[in-house]
Amino acid sequence: MQTDKATRIAGTVATVLSLSMVLIGLPSQMYENWQKHQAGMSIFLAITAFVLYSAWSIYAILKKDRYLIIAQGTGAIVAFALLVQTIYYMVTNR
């Protein structure tokens, strides 16, 4: 019983911390890119973030781990938006 409670607490803390990165860190980069009208990070980093969050999301779905699904799924969505923005600014030479 104690292990289940500890697992829920650890899962909740990890999810909150992951979401803070995804919902604060990545959008702040997107906002900075938008303000400067240019890609502020390398395309390689944007692709890596998207692939990483997507892989973890697939793993979470297969394992049926709601903590990972929430955190990594959100990360995949935000990383995809960052990737699209980075490509847009690269193509438009801004």
PDB file of N, CA and C in Angstrom:
ATOM      1  N   MET A   1       0.823  -1.192   0.000  1.00  0.00           N
ATOM      2  CA  MET A   1       0.000   0.000   0.000  1.00  0.00           C
ATOM      3  C   MET A   1       0.872   1.264   0.000  1.00  0.00           C
ATOM      4  N   GLN A   2       1.922   1.250   0.776  1.00  0.00           N
ATOM      5  CA  GLN A   2       2.825   2.391   0.865  1.00  0.00           C
ATOM      6  C   GLN A   2       3.493   2.654  -0.488  1.00  0.00           C
ATOM      7  N   THR A   3       3.845   1.590  -1.207  1.00  0.00           N
ATOM      8  CA  THR A   3       4.500   1.725  -2.505  1.00  0.00           C
ATOM      9  C   THR A   3       3.568   2.376  -3.523  1.00  0.00           C
ATOM     10  N   ASP A   4       2.285   2.017  -3.500  1.00  0.00           N
ATOM     11  CA  ASP A   4       1.331   2.628  -4.424  1.00  0.00           C
ATOM     12  C   ASP A   4       1.222   4.127  -4.195  1.00  0.00           C
ATOM     13  N   LYS A   5       1.184   4.531  -2.938  1.00  0.00           N
ATOM     14  CA  LYS A   5       1.092   5.954  -2.615  1.00  0.00           C
ATOM     15  C   LYS A   5       2.368   6.679  -3.045  1.00  0.00           C
ATOM     16  N   ALA A   6       3.509   6.082  -2.789  1.00  0.00           N
ATOM     17  CA  ALA A   6       4.784   6.686  -3.183  1.00  0.00           C
ATOM     18  C   ALA A   6       4.879   6.798  -4.702  1.00  0.00           C
ATOM     19  N   THR A   7       4.400   5.778  -5.405  1.00  0.00           N
ATOM     20  CA  THR A   7       4.413   5.800  -6.871  1.00  0.00           C
ATOM     21  C   THR A   7       3.518   6.901  -7.403  1.00  0.00           C
ATOM     22  N   ARG A   8       2.338   7.064  -6.820  1.00  0.00           N
ATOM     23  CA  ARG A   8       1.426   8.137  -7.257  1.00  0.00           C
ATOM     24  C   ARG A   8       2.039   9.508  -7.006  1.00  0.00           C
ATOM     25  N   ILE A   9       2.666   9.673  -5.852  1.00  0.00           N
ATOM     26  CA  ILE A   9       3.286  10.965  -5.529  1.00  0.00           C
ATOM     27  C   ILE A   9       4.437  11.245  -6.490  1.00  0.00           C
ATOM     28  N   ALA A  10       5.303  10.255  -6.699  1.00  0.00           N
ATOM     29  CA  ALA A  10       6.436  10.431  -7.615  1.00  0.00           C
ATOM     30  C   ALA A  10       5.948  10.694  -9.038  1.00  0.00           C
ATOM     31  N   GLY A  11       4.908   9.981  -9.461  1.00  0.00           N
ATOM     32  CA  GLY A  11       4.352  10.189 -10.793  1.00  0.00           C
ATOM     33  C   GLY A  11       3.777  11.578 -10.957  1.00  0.00           C
ATOM     34  N   THR A  12       3.084  12.048  -9.943  1.00  0.00           N
ATOM     35  CA  THR A  12       2.492  13.382  -9.991  1.00  0.00           C
ATOM     36  C   THR A  12       3.574  14.462 -10.031  1.00  0.00           C
ATOM     37  N   VAL A  13       4.589  14.330  -9.199  1.00  0.00           N
ATOM     38  CA  VAL A  13       5.685  15.306  -9.177  1.00  0.00           C
ATOM     39  C   VAL A  13       6.409  15.317 -10.520  1.00  0.00           C
ATOM     40  N   ALA A  14       6.716  14.142 -11.044  1.00  0.00           N
ATOM     41  CA  ALA A  14       7.411  14.057 -12.340  1.00  0.00           C
ATOM     42  C   ALA A  14       6.564  14.653 -13.458  1.00  0.00           C
ATOM     43  N   THR A  15       5.262  14.399 -13.425  1.00  0.00           N
ATOM     44  CA  THR A  15       4.373  14.948 -14.454  1.00  0.00           C
ATOM     45  C   THR A  15       4.333  16.468 -14.375  1.00  0.00           C
ATOM     46  N   VAL A  16       4.215  17.014 -13.179  1.00  0.00           N
ATOM     47  CA  VAL A  16       4.177  18.473 -13.011  1.00  0.00           C
ATOM     48  C   VAL A  16       5.484  19.104 -13.490  1.00  0.00           C
ATOM     49  N   LEU A  17       6.614  18.499 -13.137  1.00  0.00           N
ATOM     50  CA  LEU A  17       7.900  19.049 -13.566  1.00  0.00           C
ATOM     51  C   LEU A  17       8.074  18.951 -15.084  1.00  0.00           C
ATOM     52  N   SER A  18       7.666  17.839 -15.668  1.00  0.00           N
ATOM     53  CA  SER A  18       7.751  17.694 -17.123  1.00  0.00           C
ATOM     54  C   SER A  18       6.857  18.698 -17.831  1.00  0.00           C
ATOM     55  N   LEU A  19       5.647  18.864 -17.312  1.00  0.00           N
ATOM     56  CA  LEU A  19       4.729  19.835 -17.917  1.00  0.00           C
ATOM     57  C   LEU A  19       5.256  21.255 -17.797  1.00  0.00           C
ATOM     58  N   SER A  20       5.969  21.566 -16.705  1.00  0.00           N
ATOM     59  CA  SER A  20       6.521  22.912 -16.574  1.00  0.00           C
ATOM     60  C   SER A  20       7.550  23.171 -17.674  1.00  0.00           C
ATOM     61  N   MET A  21       8.345  22.167 -18.008  1.00  0.00           N
ATOM     62  CA  MET A  21       9.300  22.309 -19.112  1.00  0.00           C
ATOM     63  C   MET A  21       8.569  22.489 -20.431  1.00  0.00           C
ATOM     64  N   VAL A  22       7.548  21.668 -20.622  1.00  0.00           N
ATOM     65  CA  VAL A  22       6.817  21.677 -21.885  1.00  0.00           C
ATOM     66  C   VAL A  22       5.953  22.923 -22.027  1.00  0.00           C
ATOM     67  N   LEU A  23       5.327  23.352 -20.961  1.00  0.00           N
ATOM     68  CA  LEU A  23       4.384  24.473 -21.048  1.00  0.00           C
ATOM     69  C   LEU A  23       5.005  25.827 -20.743  1.00  0.00           C
ATOM     70  N   ILE A  24       6.235  25.835 -20.231  1.00  0.00           N
ATOM     71  CA  ILE A  24       6.916  27.111 -19.970  1.00  0.00           C
ATOM     72  C   ILE A  24       8.164  27.231 -20.844  1.00  0.00           C
ATOM     73  N   GLY A  25       9.014  26.208 -20.826  1.00  0.00           N
ATOM     74  CA  GLY A  25      10.287  26.268 -21.553  1.00  0.00           C
ATOM     75  C   GLY A  25      10.139  26.352 -23.059  1.00  0.00           C
ATOM     76  N   LEU A  26       9.452  25.398 -23.657  1.00  0.00           N
ATOM     77  CA  LEU A  26       9.312  25.393 -25.113  1.00  0.00           C
ATOM     78  C   LEU A  26       8.486  26.570 -25.629  1.00  0.00           C
ATOM     79  N   PRO A  27       7.340  26.890 -25.006  1.00  0.00           N
ATOM     80  CA  PRO A  27       6.599  28.061 -25.489  1.00  0.00           C
ATOM     81  C   PRO A  27       7.381  29.373 -25.351  1.00  0.00           C
ATOM     82  N   SER A  28       8.232  29.492 -24.325  1.00  0.00           N
ATOM     83  CA  SER A  28       9.022  30.723 -24.208  1.00  0.00           C
ATOM     84  C   SER A  28       9.998  30.839 -25.375  1.00  0.00           C
ATOM     85  N   GLN A  29      10.532  29.690 -25.837  1.00  0.00           N
ATOM     86  CA  GLN A  29      11.391  29.701 -27.029  1.00  0.00           C
ATOM     87  C   GLN A  29      10.583  30.089 -28.260  1.00  0.00           C
ATOM     88  N   MET A  30       9.376  29.554 -28.368  1.00  0.00           N
ATOM     89  CA  MET A  30       8.510  29.888 -29.497  1.00  0.00           C
ATOM     90  C   MET A  30       8.173  31.376 -29.496  1.00  0.00           C
ATOM     91  N   TYR A  31       7.895  31.924 -28.324  1.00  0.00           N
ATOM     92  CA  TYR A  31       7.561  33.338 -28.217  1.00  0.00           C
ATOM     93  C   TYR A  31       8.755  34.208 -28.617  1.00  0.00           C
ATOM     94  N   GLU A  32       9.933  33.811 -28.169  1.00  0.00           N
ATOM     95  CA  GLU A  32      11.136  34.563 -28.534  1.00  0.00           C
ATOM     96  C   GLU A  32      11.365  34.517 -30.041  1.00  0.00           C
ATOM     97  N   ASN A  33      11.170  33.342 -30.654  1.00  0.00           N
ATOM     98  CA  ASN A  33      11.289  33.225 -32.106  1.00  0.00           C
ATOM     99  C   ASN A  33      10.296  34.148 -32.800  1.00  0.00           C
ATOM    100  N   TRP A  34       9.065  34.150 -32.303  1.00  0.00           N
ATOM    101  CA  TRP A  34       8.009  34.970 -32.897  1.00  0.00           C
ATOM    102  C   TRP A  34       8.337  36.458 -32.776  1.00  0.00           C
ATOM    103  N   GLN A  35       8.832  36.885 -31.612  1.00  0.00           N
ATOM    104  CA  GLN A  35       9.180  38.294 -31.403  1.00  0.00           C
ATOM    105  C   GLN A  35      10.279  38.750 -32.360  1.00  0.00           C
ATOM    106  N   LYS A  36      11.261  37.884 -32.572  1.00  0.00           N
ATOM    107  CA  LYS A  36      12.390  38.237 -33.434  1.00  0.00           C
ATOM    108  C   LYS A  36      12.128  37.891 -34.893  1.00  0.00           C
ATOM    109  N   HIS A  37      11.027  37.190 -35.165  1.00  0.00           N
ATOM    110  CA  HIS A  37      10.680  36.756 -36.518  1.00  0.00           C
ATOM    111  C   HIS A  37      11.807  35.950 -37.159  1.00  0.00           C
ATOM    112  N   GLN A  38      12.379  35.072 -36.337  1.00  0.00           N
ATOM    113  CA  GLN A  38      13.437  34.206 -36.852  1.00  0.00           C
ATOM    114  C   GLN A  38      13.518  32.945 -36.003  1.00  0.00           C
ATOM    115  N   ALA A  39      14.102  31.926 -36.582  1.00  0.00           N
ATOM    116  CA  ALA A  39      14.317  30.690 -35.838  1.00  0.00           C
ATOM    117  C   ALA A  39      15.441  30.946 -34.844  1.00  0.00           C
ATOM    118  N   GLY A  40      15.170  30.736 -33.579  1.00  0.00           N
ATOM    119  CA  GLY A  40      16.156  31.007 -32.537  1.00  0.00           C
ATOM    120  C   GLY A  40      16.875  29.769 -32.055  1.00  0.00           C
ATOM    121  N   MET A  41      16.624  28.649 -32.684  1.00  0.00           N
ATOM    122  CA  MET A  41      17.301  27.418 -32.289  1.00  0.00           C
ATOM    123  C   MET A  41      17.560  26.580 -33.535  1.00  0.00           C
ATOM    124  N   SER A  42      18.426  25.598 -33.400  1.00  0.00           N
ATOM    125  CA  SER A  42      18.753  24.787 -34.577  1.00  0.00           C
ATOM    126  C   SER A  42      17.602  23.861 -34.933  1.00  0.00           C
ATOM    127  N   ILE A  43      17.496  23.552 -36.203  1.00  0.00           N
ATOM    128  CA  ILE A  43      16.468  22.636 -36.678  1.00  0.00           C
ATOM    129  C   ILE A  43      16.707  21.255 -36.073  1.00  0.00           C
ATOM    130  N   PHE A  44      17.973  20.889 -35.880  1.00  0.00           N
ATOM    131  CA  PHE A  44      18.306  19.592 -35.298  1.00  0.00           C
ATOM    132  C   PHE A  44      17.717  19.458 -33.890  1.00  0.00           C
ATOM    133  N   LEU A  45      17.801  20.509 -33.099  1.00  0.00           N
ATOM    134  CA  LEU A  45      17.251  20.470 -31.748  1.00  0.00           C
ATOM    135  C   LEU A  45      15.731  20.353 -31.770  1.00  0.00           C
ATOM    136  N   ALA A  46      15.086  21.063 -32.670  1.00  0.00           N
ATOM    137  CA  ALA A  46      13.629  20.992 -32.785  1.00  0.00           C
ATOM    138  C   ALA A  46      13.182  19.591 -33.205  1.00  0.00           C
ATOM    139  N   ILE A  47      13.887  19.001 -34.173  1.00  0.00           N
ATOM    140  CA  ILE A  47      13.555  17.648 -34.618  1.00  0.00           C
ATOM    141  C   ILE A  47      13.787  16.648 -33.493  1.00  0.00           C
ATOM    142  N   THR A  48      14.909  16.786 -32.799  1.00  0.00           N
ATOM    143  CA  THR A  48      15.233  15.885 -31.698  1.00  0.00           C
ATOM    144  C   THR A  48      14.175  15.944 -30.600  1.00  0.00           C
ATOM    145  N   ALA A  49      13.741  17.143 -30.249  1.00  0.00           N
ATOM    146  CA  ALA A  49      12.713  17.285 -29.209  1.00  0.00           C
ATOM    147  C   ALA A  49      11.420  16.606 -29.637  1.00  0.00           C
ATOM    148  N   PHE A  50      11.018  16.808 -30.887  1.00  0.00           N
ATOM    149  CA  PHE A  50       9.792  16.187 -31.375  1.00  0.00           C
ATOM    150  C   PHE A  50       9.896  14.663 -31.383  1.00  0.00           C
ATOM    151  N   VAL A  51      10.986  14.140 -31.898  1.00  0.00           N
ATOM    152  CA  VAL A  51      11.168  12.686 -31.952  1.00  0.00           C
ATOM    153  C   VAL A  51      11.236  12.100 -30.546  1.00  0.00           C
ATOM    154  N   LEU A  52      11.955  12.756 -29.662  1.00  0.00           N
ATOM    155  CA  LEU A  52      12.081  12.280 -28.287  1.00  0.00           C
ATOM    156  C   LEU A  52      10.729  12.229 -27.577  1.00  0.00           C
ATOM    157  N   TYR A  53       9.994  13.324 -27.603  1.00  0.00           N
ATOM    158  CA  TYR A  53       8.686  13.354 -26.948  1.00  0.00           C
ATOM    159  C   TYR A  53       7.710  12.381 -27.606  1.00  0.00           C
ATOM    160  N   SER A  54       7.795  12.229 -28.914  1.00  0.00           N
ATOM    161  CA  SER A  54       6.917  11.282 -29.609  1.00  0.00           C
ATOM    162  C   SER A  54       7.228   9.841 -29.209  1.00  0.00           C
ATOM    163  N   ALA A  55       8.506   9.507 -29.139  1.00  0.00           N
ATOM    164  CA  ALA A  55       8.896   8.145 -28.751  1.00  0.00           C
ATOM    165  C   ALA A  55       8.427   7.825 -27.331  1.00  0.00           C
ATOM    166  N   TRP A  56       8.612   8.769 -26.431  1.00  0.00           N
ATOM    167  CA  TRP A  56       8.144   8.561 -25.056  1.00  0.00           C
ATOM    168  C   TRP A  56       6.624   8.450 -25.001  1.00  0.00           C
ATOM    169  N   SER A  57       5.941   9.194 -25.841  1.00  0.00           N
ATOM    170  CA  SER A  57       4.476   9.120 -25.888  1.00  0.00           C
ATOM    171  C   SER A  57       4.013   7.750 -26.344  1.00  0.00           C
ATOM    172  N   ILE A  58       4.649   7.208 -27.369  1.00  0.00           N
ATOM    173  CA  ILE A  58       4.300   5.870 -27.851  1.00  0.00           C
ATOM    174  C   ILE A  58       4.557   4.838 -26.757  1.00  0.00           C
ATOM    175  N   TYR A  59       5.703   4.955 -26.113  1.00  0.00           N
ATOM    176  CA  TYR A  59       6.027   4.045 -25.007  1.00  0.00           C
ATOM    177  C   TYR A  59       4.968   4.138 -23.910  1.00  0.00           C
ATOM    178  N   ALA A  60       4.588   5.354 -23.549  1.00  0.00           N
ATOM    179  CA  ALA A  60       3.599   5.561 -22.485  1.00  0.00           C
ATOM    180  C   ALA A  60       2.250   4.951 -22.843  1.00  0.00           C
ATOM    181  N   ILE A  61       1.858   5.101 -24.098  1.00  0.00           N
ATOM    182  CA  ILE A  61       0.583   4.518 -24.544  1.00  0.00           C
ATOM    183  C   ILE A  61       0.642   3.000 -24.461  1.00  0.00           C
ATOM    184  N   LEU A  62       1.753   2.416 -24.915  1.00  0.00           N
ATOM    185  CA  LEU A  62       1.902   0.961 -24.857  1.00  0.00           C
ATOM    186  C   LEU A  62       1.911   0.441 -23.421  1.00  0.00           C
ATOM    187  N   LYS A  63       2.519   1.206 -22.518  1.00  0.00           N
ATOM    188  CA  LYS A  63       2.580   0.811 -21.104  1.00  0.00           C
ATOM    189  C   LYS A  63       1.333   1.234 -20.325  1.00  0.00           C
ATOM    190  N   LYS A  64       0.480   2.038 -20.963  1.00  0.00           N
ATOM    191  CA  LYS A  64      -0.723   2.573 -20.319  1.00  0.00           C
ATOM    192  C   LYS A  64      -0.378   3.349 -19.032  1.00  0.00           C
ATOM    193  N   ASP A  65       0.633   4.193 -19.166  1.00  0.00           N
ATOM    194  CA  ASP A  65       1.110   5.003 -18.042  1.00  0.00           C
ATOM    195  C   ASP A  65       0.576   6.420 -18.205  1.00  0.00           C
ATOM    196  N   ARG A  66      -0.449   6.745 -17.439  1.00  0.00           N
ATOM    197  CA  ARG A  66      -1.112   8.044 -17.626  1.00  0.00           C
ATOM    198  C   ARG A  66      -0.207   9.220 -17.317  1.00  0.00           C
ATOM    199  N   TYR A  67       0.724   9.040 -16.389  1.00  0.00           N
ATOM    200  CA  TYR A  67       1.637  10.142 -16.070  1.00  0.00           C
ATOM    201  C   TYR A  67       2.503  10.486 -17.285  1.00  0.00           C
ATOM    202  N   LEU A  68       3.066   9.477 -17.898  1.00  0.00           N
ATOM    203  CA  LEU A  68       3.894   9.720 -19.078  1.00  0.00           C
ATOM    204  C   LEU A  68       3.064  10.179 -20.268  1.00  0.00           C
ATOM    205  N   ILE A  69       1.884   9.630 -20.420  1.00  0.00           N
ATOM    206  CA  ILE A  69       1.023  10.036 -21.545  1.00  0.00           C
ATOM    207  C   ILE A  69       0.730  11.527 -21.471  1.00  0.00           C
ATOM    208  N   ILE A  70       0.381  12.008 -20.296  1.00  0.00           N
ATOM    209  CA  ILE A  70       0.061  13.432 -20.135  1.00  0.00           C
ATOM    210  C   ILE A  70       1.288  14.300 -20.408  1.00  0.00           C
ATOM    211  N   ALA A  71       2.391  13.994 -19.741  1.00  0.00           N
ATOM    212  CA  ALA A  71       3.586  14.836 -19.851  1.00  0.00           C
ATOM    213  C   ALA A  71       4.231  14.746 -21.225  1.00  0.00           C
ATOM    214  N   GLN A  72       4.450  13.548 -21.709  1.00  0.00           N
ATOM    215  CA  GLN A  72       5.161  13.387 -22.972  1.00  0.00           C
ATOM    216  C   GLN A  72       4.271  13.675 -24.181  1.00  0.00           C
ATOM    217  N   GLY A  73       2.989  13.367 -24.061  1.00  0.00           N
ATOM    218  CA  GLY A  73       2.056  13.696 -25.145  1.00  0.00           C
ATOM    219  C   GLY A  73       1.968  15.196 -25.353  1.00  0.00           C
ATOM    220  N   THR A  74       1.881  15.928 -24.259  1.00  0.00           N
ATOM    221  CA  THR A  74       1.875  17.390 -24.345  1.00  0.00           C
ATOM    222  C   THR A  74       3.191  17.885 -24.942  1.00  0.00           C
ATOM    223  N   GLY A  75       4.280  17.262 -24.528  1.00  0.00           N
ATOM    224  CA  GLY A  75       5.592  17.623 -25.063  1.00  0.00           C
ATOM    225  C   GLY A  75       5.673  17.404 -26.565  1.00  0.00           C
ATOM    226  N   ALA A  76       5.117  16.292 -27.044  1.00  0.00           N
ATOM    227  CA  ALA A  76       5.138  16.003 -28.480  1.00  0.00           C
ATOM    228  C   ALA A  76       4.363  17.062 -29.259  1.00  0.00           C
ATOM    229  N   ILE A  77       3.227  17.470 -28.729  1.00  0.00           N
ATOM    230  CA  ILE A  77       2.409  18.487 -29.401  1.00  0.00           C
ATOM    231  C   ILE A  77       3.133  19.830 -29.453  1.00  0.00           C
ATOM    232  N   VAL A  78       3.692  20.246 -28.325  1.00  0.00           N
ATOM    233  CA  VAL A  78       4.383  21.539 -28.273  1.00  0.00           C
ATOM    234  C   VAL A  78       5.674  21.488 -29.099  1.00  0.00           C
ATOM    235  N   ALA A  79       6.397  20.379 -29.031  1.00  0.00           N
ATOM    236  CA  ALA A  79       7.629  20.253 -29.823  1.00  0.00           C
ATOM    237  C   ALA A  79       7.314  20.267 -31.317  1.00  0.00           C
ATOM    238  N   PHE A  80       6.194  19.675 -31.712  1.00  0.00           N
ATOM    239  CA  PHE A  80       5.782  19.716 -33.118  1.00  0.00           C
ATOM    240  C   PHE A  80       5.515  21.160 -33.540  1.00  0.00           C
ATOM    241  N   ALA A  81       4.825  21.911 -32.699  1.00  0.00           N
ATOM    242  CA  ALA A  81       4.553  23.319 -33.013  1.00  0.00           C
ATOM    243  C   ALA A  81       5.861  24.101 -33.137  1.00  0.00           C
ATOM    244  N   LEU A  82       6.806  23.830 -32.254  1.00  0.00           N
ATOM    245  CA  LEU A  82       8.114  24.497 -32.318  1.00  0.00           C
ATOM    246  C   LEU A  82       8.852  24.108 -33.596  1.00  0.00           C
ATOM    247  N   LEU A  83       8.771  22.848 -33.979  1.00  0.00           N
ATOM    248  CA  LEU A  83       9.404  22.382 -35.211  1.00  0.00           C
ATOM    249  C   LEU A  83       8.802  23.082 -36.427  1.00  0.00           C
ATOM    250  N   VAL A  84       7.482  23.170 -36.476  1.00  0.00           N
ATOM    251  CA  VAL A  84       6.811  23.852 -37.588  1.00  0.00           C
ATOM    252  C   VAL A  84       7.231  25.320 -37.640  1.00  0.00           C
ATOM    253  N   GLN A  85       7.282  25.960 -36.486  1.00  0.00           N
ATOM    254  CA  GLN A  85       7.685  27.368 -36.442  1.00  0.00           C
ATOM    255  C   GLN A  85       9.129  27.532 -36.917  1.00  0.00           C
ATOM    256  N   THR A  86      10.015  26.651 -36.469  1.00  0.00           N
ATOM    257  CA  THR A  86      11.418  26.728 -36.877  1.00  0.00           C
ATOM    258  C   THR A  86      11.561  26.565 -38.388  1.00  0.00           C
ATOM    259  N   ILE A  87      10.860  25.584 -38.943  1.00  0.00           N
ATOM    260  CA  ILE A  87      10.906  25.369 -40.395  1.00  0.00           C
ATOM    261  C   ILE A  87      10.328  26.577 -41.132  1.00  0.00           C
ATOM    262  N   TYR A  88       9.239  27.122 -40.619  1.00  0.00           N
ATOM    263  CA  TYR A  88       8.618  28.291 -41.256  1.00  0.00           C
ATOM    264  C   TYR A  88       9.611  29.453 -41.346  1.00  0.00           C
ATOM    265  N   TYR A  89      10.270  29.757 -40.244  1.00  0.00           N
ATOM    266  CA  TYR A  89      11.208  30.881 -40.252  1.00  0.00           C
ATOM    267  C   TYR A  89      12.448  30.574 -41.102  1.00  0.00           C
ATOM    268  N   MET A  90      12.833  29.320 -41.191  1.00  0.00           N
ATOM    269  CA  MET A  90      13.971  28.975 -42.052  1.00  0.00           C
ATOM    270  C   MET A  90      13.602  29.156 -43.518  1.00  0.00           C
ATOM    271  N   VAL A  91      12.394  28.716 -43.887  1.00  0.00           N
ATOM    272  CA  VAL A  91      11.950  28.791 -45.285  1.00  0.00           C
ATOM    273  C   VAL A  91      11.712  30.235 -45.714  1.00  0.00           C
ATOM    274  N   THR A  92      11.155  31.038 -44.827  1.00  0.00           N
ATOM    275  CA  THR A  92      10.858  32.422 -45.181  1.00  0.00           C
ATOM    276  C   THR A  92      12.044  33.345 -44.987  1.00  0.00           C
ATOM    277  N   ASN A  93      13.187  32.779 -44.572  1.00  0.00           N
ATOM    278  CA  ASN A  93      14.425  33.552 -44.365  1.00  0.00           C
ATOM    279  C   ASN A  93      14.251  34.710 -43.407  1.00  0.00           C
ATOM    280  N   ARG A  94      13.503  34.469 -42.376  1.00  0.00           N
ATOM    281  CA  ARG A  94      13.298  35.528 -41.389  1.00  0.00           C
ATOM    282  C   ARG A  94      14.209  35.315 -40.230  1.00  0.00           C
TER     283      ARG A  94
END
